[in-house]
Protein backbone atom coordinates (compact mmCIF):
# COMPACT_ATOMS: atom_id res chain seq x y z
CA MET A 1 4.40 5.20 23.70
CA THR A 2 4.92 3.28 20.47
CA ALA A 3 2.97 2.20 17.43
CA PRO A 4 0.34 -0.42 18.37
CA GLN A 5 1.88 -3.89 18.35
CA GLU A 6 -0.91 -5.09 16.09
CA THR A 7 0.13 -2.46 13.52
CA LEU A 8 3.78 -3.43 13.79
CA ASP A 9 2.90 -7.10 13.34
CA ARG A 10 0.79 -6.34 10.27
CA TRP A 11 3.59 -4.27 8.77
CA ALA A 12 6.15 -7.05 9.36
CA ASP A 13 3.81 -9.61 7.78
CA GLY A 14 3.34 -7.30 4.80
CA GLU A 15 7.07 -6.95 4.26
CA ARG A 16 7.39 -10.73 4.25
CA LEU A 17 4.53 -11.02 1.77
CA PHE A 18 6.17 -8.61 -0.65
CA ALA A 19 9.53 -10.37 -0.27
CA THR A 20 7.81 -13.67 -1.07
CA ALA A 21 6.25 -12.29 -4.25
CA LEU A 22 9.52 -10.67 -5.31
CA GLY A 23 11.42 -13.89 -4.67
CA ARG A 24 9.15 -15.81 -7.03
CA LEU A 25 10.09 -13.64 -10.00
CA THR A 26 12.92 -14.51 -12.33
CA ASP A 27 15.09 -11.62 -13.44
CA GLU A 28 13.56 -11.80 -16.91
CA GLU A 29 10.05 -11.36 -15.50
CA PHE A 30 10.80 -7.91 -14.08
CA ASP A 31 10.04 -6.34 -17.47
CA ARG A 32 6.56 -7.86 -17.74
CA PRO A 33 3.37 -5.95 -16.85
CA SER A 34 2.16 -5.72 -13.27
CA LEU A 35 -1.40 -5.37 -12.03
CA CYS A 36 -0.69 -1.71 -11.28
CA SER A 37 -1.92 0.25 -14.29
CA GLY A 38 0.92 1.79 -16.28
CA TRP A 39 3.75 0.06 -14.43
CA ASP A 40 5.75 -3.05 -15.21
CA ARG A 41 7.03 -5.13 -12.32
CA ARG A 42 10.35 -3.31 -12.09
CA HIS A 43 8.52 -0.01 -11.57
CA VAL A 44 6.46 -1.59 -8.79
CA VAL A 45 9.63 -2.76 -7.06
CA ALA A 46 11.26 0.63 -7.58
CA HIS A 47 8.26 2.36 -6.03
CA VAL A 48 8.32 0.06 -3.01
CA VAL A 49 12.03 0.81 -2.58
CA ARG A 50 11.51 4.57 -2.77
CA ASN A 51 8.44 4.42 -0.56
CA ALA A 52 10.46 2.87 2.27
CA ASP A 53 12.74 5.89 2.34
CA ALA A 54 9.84 8.31 1.87
CA LEU A 55 8.04 6.92 4.90
CA GLY A 56 11.37 6.89 6.71
CA ASN A 57 11.43 10.64 6.11
CA LEU A 58 8.19 10.96 8.06
CA LEU A 59 9.77 9.10 10.97
CA THR A 60 12.75 11.46 10.77
CA TRP A 61 10.29 14.35 10.94
CA ALA A 62 8.69 12.80 14.04
CA ARG A 63 12.07 12.17 15.67
CA THR A 64 13.66 15.56 15.00
CA GLY A 65 10.67 17.88 14.83
CA GLU A 66 12.00 19.26 11.56
CA GLU A 67 9.61 19.02 8.63
CA THR A 68 10.87 16.27 6.33
CA PRO A 69 8.39 15.57 3.53
CA MET A 70 8.06 12.14 1.99
CA TYR A 71 9.25 13.54 -1.35
CA PRO A 72 10.48 17.02 -2.33
CA SER A 73 7.77 17.10 -5.02
CA ARG A 74 5.63 14.79 -7.13
CA GLU A 75 8.09 15.30 -9.94
CA ALA A 76 10.95 14.17 -7.72
CA ARG A 77 8.94 11.12 -6.71
CA GLU A 78 8.37 10.12 -10.33
CA ALA A 79 12.00 10.77 -11.25
CA GLY A 80 13.22 8.64 -8.36
CA ILE A 81 11.01 5.72 -9.36
CA THR A 82 12.16 5.98 -12.97
CA GLU A 83 15.81 6.10 -11.94
CA THR A 84 15.52 3.10 -9.63
CA ALA A 85 13.48 1.10 -12.14
CA ALA A 86 16.37 1.42 -14.61
CA LEU A 87 18.59 -0.75 -12.39
CA ASP A 88 19.09 -4.35 -13.39
CA ALA A 89 17.08 -7.00 -11.56
CA SER A 90 19.91 -7.99 -9.23
CA GLN A 91 20.49 -4.38 -8.19
CA LEU A 92 16.76 -3.86 -7.68
CA ARG A 93 16.62 -6.86 -5.36
CA THR A 94 19.57 -5.49 -3.38
CA GLU A 95 18.01 -2.04 -3.20
CA HIS A 96 14.77 -3.53 -1.90
CA VAL A 97 16.50 -5.39 0.92
CA ALA A 98 18.52 -2.31 1.89
CA ALA A 99 15.54 0.06 1.81
CA ALA A 100 13.36 -2.28 3.87
CA ALA A 101 16.16 -2.55 6.42
CA ARG A 102 16.54 1.23 6.61
CA PHE A 103 12.85 1.64 7.29
CA ALA A 104 12.91 -1.11 9.93
CA ASP A 105 15.84 0.64 11.64
CA ALA A 106 13.88 3.91 11.62
CA VAL A 107 10.89 2.21 13.23
CA ARG A 108 13.02 0.54 15.89
CA GLY A 109 14.95 3.73 16.58
CA LEU A 110 12.01 6.08 17.06
CA PRO A 111 11.77 7.27 20.70
CA GLY A 112 8.48 6.65 22.46
CA PRO A 113 7.23 10.26 22.60
CA ALA A 114 7.92 10.74 18.89
CA TRP A 115 5.22 8.23 17.91
CA GLY A 116 2.62 10.85 18.82
CA ALA A 117 4.18 13.54 16.61
CA ILE A 118 1.99 14.77 13.76
CA VAL A 119 3.42 14.42 10.25
CA ARG A 120 1.92 15.02 6.81
CA THR A 121 1.49 12.54 3.99
CA MET A 122 2.11 13.36 0.34
CA GLN A 123 -1.66 13.78 -0.06
CA GLY A 124 -1.60 16.45 2.65
CA ARG A 125 -3.26 14.36 5.35
CA GLU A 126 -1.97 14.97 8.88
CA VAL A 127 -1.43 11.75 10.83
CA PRO A 128 0.45 10.66 13.97
CA ALA A 129 3.76 8.93 13.34
CA SER A 130 2.20 5.79 14.85
CA GLU A 131 0.24 5.44 11.58
CA VAL A 132 3.35 5.28 9.40
CA PRO A 133 4.00 1.52 9.80
CA TRP A 134 0.40 0.89 8.71
CA MET A 135 0.98 3.09 5.65
CA ARG A 136 3.95 0.90 4.79
CA CYS A 137 1.88 -2.24 5.38
CA VAL A 138 -0.68 -1.11 2.83
CA GLU A 139 2.04 -0.36 0.29
CA VAL A 140 3.78 -3.71 0.55
CA VAL A 141 0.60 -5.81 0.68
CA VAL A 142 -1.05 -4.15 -2.32
CA HIS A 143 2.14 -4.11 -4.36
CA ALA A 144 2.89 -7.75 -3.49
CA VAL A 145 -0.37 -8.49 -5.30
CA ASP A 146 0.63 -6.13 -8.13
CA LEU A 147 3.71 -8.24 -8.86
CA ASP A 148 1.31 -10.95 -10.10
CA ALA A 149 3.64 -13.67 -8.84
CA GLY A 150 1.13 -15.99 -7.19
CA VAL A 151 0.52 -13.80 -4.13
CA GLY A 152 -3.01 -12.50 -3.69
CA PHE A 153 -5.03 -10.61 -1.13
CA ALA A 154 -6.10 -13.97 0.32
CA ASP A 155 -2.51 -14.33 1.53
CA ALA A 156 -2.95 -11.29 3.79
CA ALA A 157 -4.81 -11.45 7.10
CA GLU A 158 -8.54 -10.75 6.86
CA GLU A 159 -8.13 -7.84 9.26
CA VAL A 160 -5.58 -6.29 6.91
CA GLN A 161 -7.82 -6.78 3.88
CA ALA A 162 -10.78 -5.24 5.71
CA ALA A 163 -8.70 -2.28 6.88
CA ILE A 164 -7.53 -1.68 3.31
CA CYS A 165 -11.16 -1.70 2.12
CA GLU A 166 -12.06 0.81 4.83
CA GLN A 167 -9.12 2.98 3.83
CA VAL A 168 -10.18 2.97 0.17
CA LEU A 169 -13.74 4.02 1.06
CA GLY A 170 -12.40 6.66 3.42
CA THR A 171 -10.18 8.10 0.70
CA TRP A 172 -13.10 8.33 -1.70
CA ALA A 173 -15.27 9.96 0.98
CA ARG A 174 -12.66 12.66 1.66
CA ARG A 175 -12.58 13.42 -2.07
CA GLY A 176 -16.35 13.34 -2.44
CA GLU A 177 -16.08 10.41 -4.87
CA THR A 178 -17.89 7.61 -3.00
CA PRO A 179 -19.51 5.28 -5.56
CA ASP A 180 -23.22 4.45 -5.28
CA VAL A 181 -22.69 0.96 -3.85
CA VAL A 182 -22.98 -1.06 -0.69
CA VAL A 183 -20.38 -3.80 -0.51
CA PHE A 184 -20.67 -7.04 1.45
CA ALA A 185 -17.93 -9.55 2.27
CA GLY A 186 -19.22 -12.14 4.71
CA ASP A 187 -20.46 -10.19 7.73
CA ARG A 188 -18.52 -7.07 6.73
CA GLU A 189 -20.28 -4.17 5.03
CA TRP A 190 -19.14 -0.90 3.50
CA GLY A 191 -21.05 1.95 1.92
CA SER A 192 -24.76 2.69 1.67
CA GLY A 193 -25.40 3.03 -2.05
CA ALA A 194 -28.11 1.71 -4.34
CA VAL A 195 -26.19 -1.18 -5.93
CA ALA A 196 -25.43 -4.14 -3.65
CA VAL A 197 -22.14 -5.91 -4.41
CA SER A 198 -20.97 -9.02 -2.59
CA GLY A 199 -18.24 -11.62 -2.71
CA PRO A 200 -15.30 -13.13 -0.86
CA LEU A 201 -13.19 -10.61 1.02
CA PRO A 202 -10.10 -11.06 -1.22
CA ALA A 203 -12.24 -10.43 -4.31
CA VAL A 204 -13.82 -7.35 -2.74
CA THR A 205 -10.38 -6.02 -1.77
CA GLY A 206 -9.07 -6.60 -5.25
CA TRP A 207 -12.01 -4.79 -6.83
CA LEU A 208 -12.01 -1.80 -4.48
CA THR A 209 -8.27 -1.29 -4.93
CA GLY A 210 -8.55 -1.53 -8.72
CA ARG A 211 -6.60 -4.79 -8.96
CA SER A 212 -9.49 -6.71 -10.51
CA ARG A 213 -12.62 -5.99 -12.52
CA GLY A 214 -14.83 -7.80 -10.03
CA GLU A 215 -15.10 -11.12 -11.85
CA GLU A 216 -15.75 -13.02 -8.61
CA LEU A 217 -18.40 -10.60 -7.35
CA THR A 218 -22.17 -10.65 -7.66
CA ALA A 219 -24.31 -7.51 -7.88
CA ASP A 220 -27.99 -6.60 -8.18
CA GLY A 221 -27.10 -4.20 -10.96
CA ASP A 222 -24.18 -3.32 -13.19
CA LEU A 223 -20.86 -3.03 -11.39
CA PRO A 224 -19.99 0.67 -11.48
CA GLU A 225 -16.71 2.11 -12.63
CA LEU A 226 -14.79 2.88 -9.46
CA PRO A 227 -12.71 6.03 -8.92
CA ARG A 228 -8.97 5.68 -8.68
CA TRP A 229 -7.95 4.95 -5.15
CA LEU A 230 -4.53 6.65 -5.11
């Protein structure tokens, strides 16, 4: 047993997408705002670095059977991001490469049976270890866009964009926060609300994830304020 090859391919493509966005930034641009509310670009990079090791902890949990949370606490997560974000741009780039390599080693080194082990996300959701590479894919794709370096959701595969949209709606549903909309992107449809919203898939993905205000979308009513996704 292993993670589905399609998931592994999507994760690898996502890592390349983030590396492309990061490579387009000059060192001086790290201090400028990102598309992720409240974070500049260096905090986005720091989070992606720390997330690689956090998800690696879940693979350690799957491999050893010993509970290894993503982060000791939310406070520890925030402190780690702040500490890493304080590095200079060159160090941040080095940390990103090293962390991505550590996570890749953890994926490659996980024994077949361990992919079926159940682990728990920071939000408390129990998932099989085979879902962890997809979790990393979402992180690197969305945060590649957040770097605002000429990489957009259109640079990700349509299947990845659609799966991210489904994940956003699923998260809202679990929290009882589903907005009163039905969203269309080509022949894809999500939701069953009163307000119909439509547009290109990249624009829909950007809106649902909170990375745009829906400028490229059309609606038969006012676009609603969306809940936070994460």
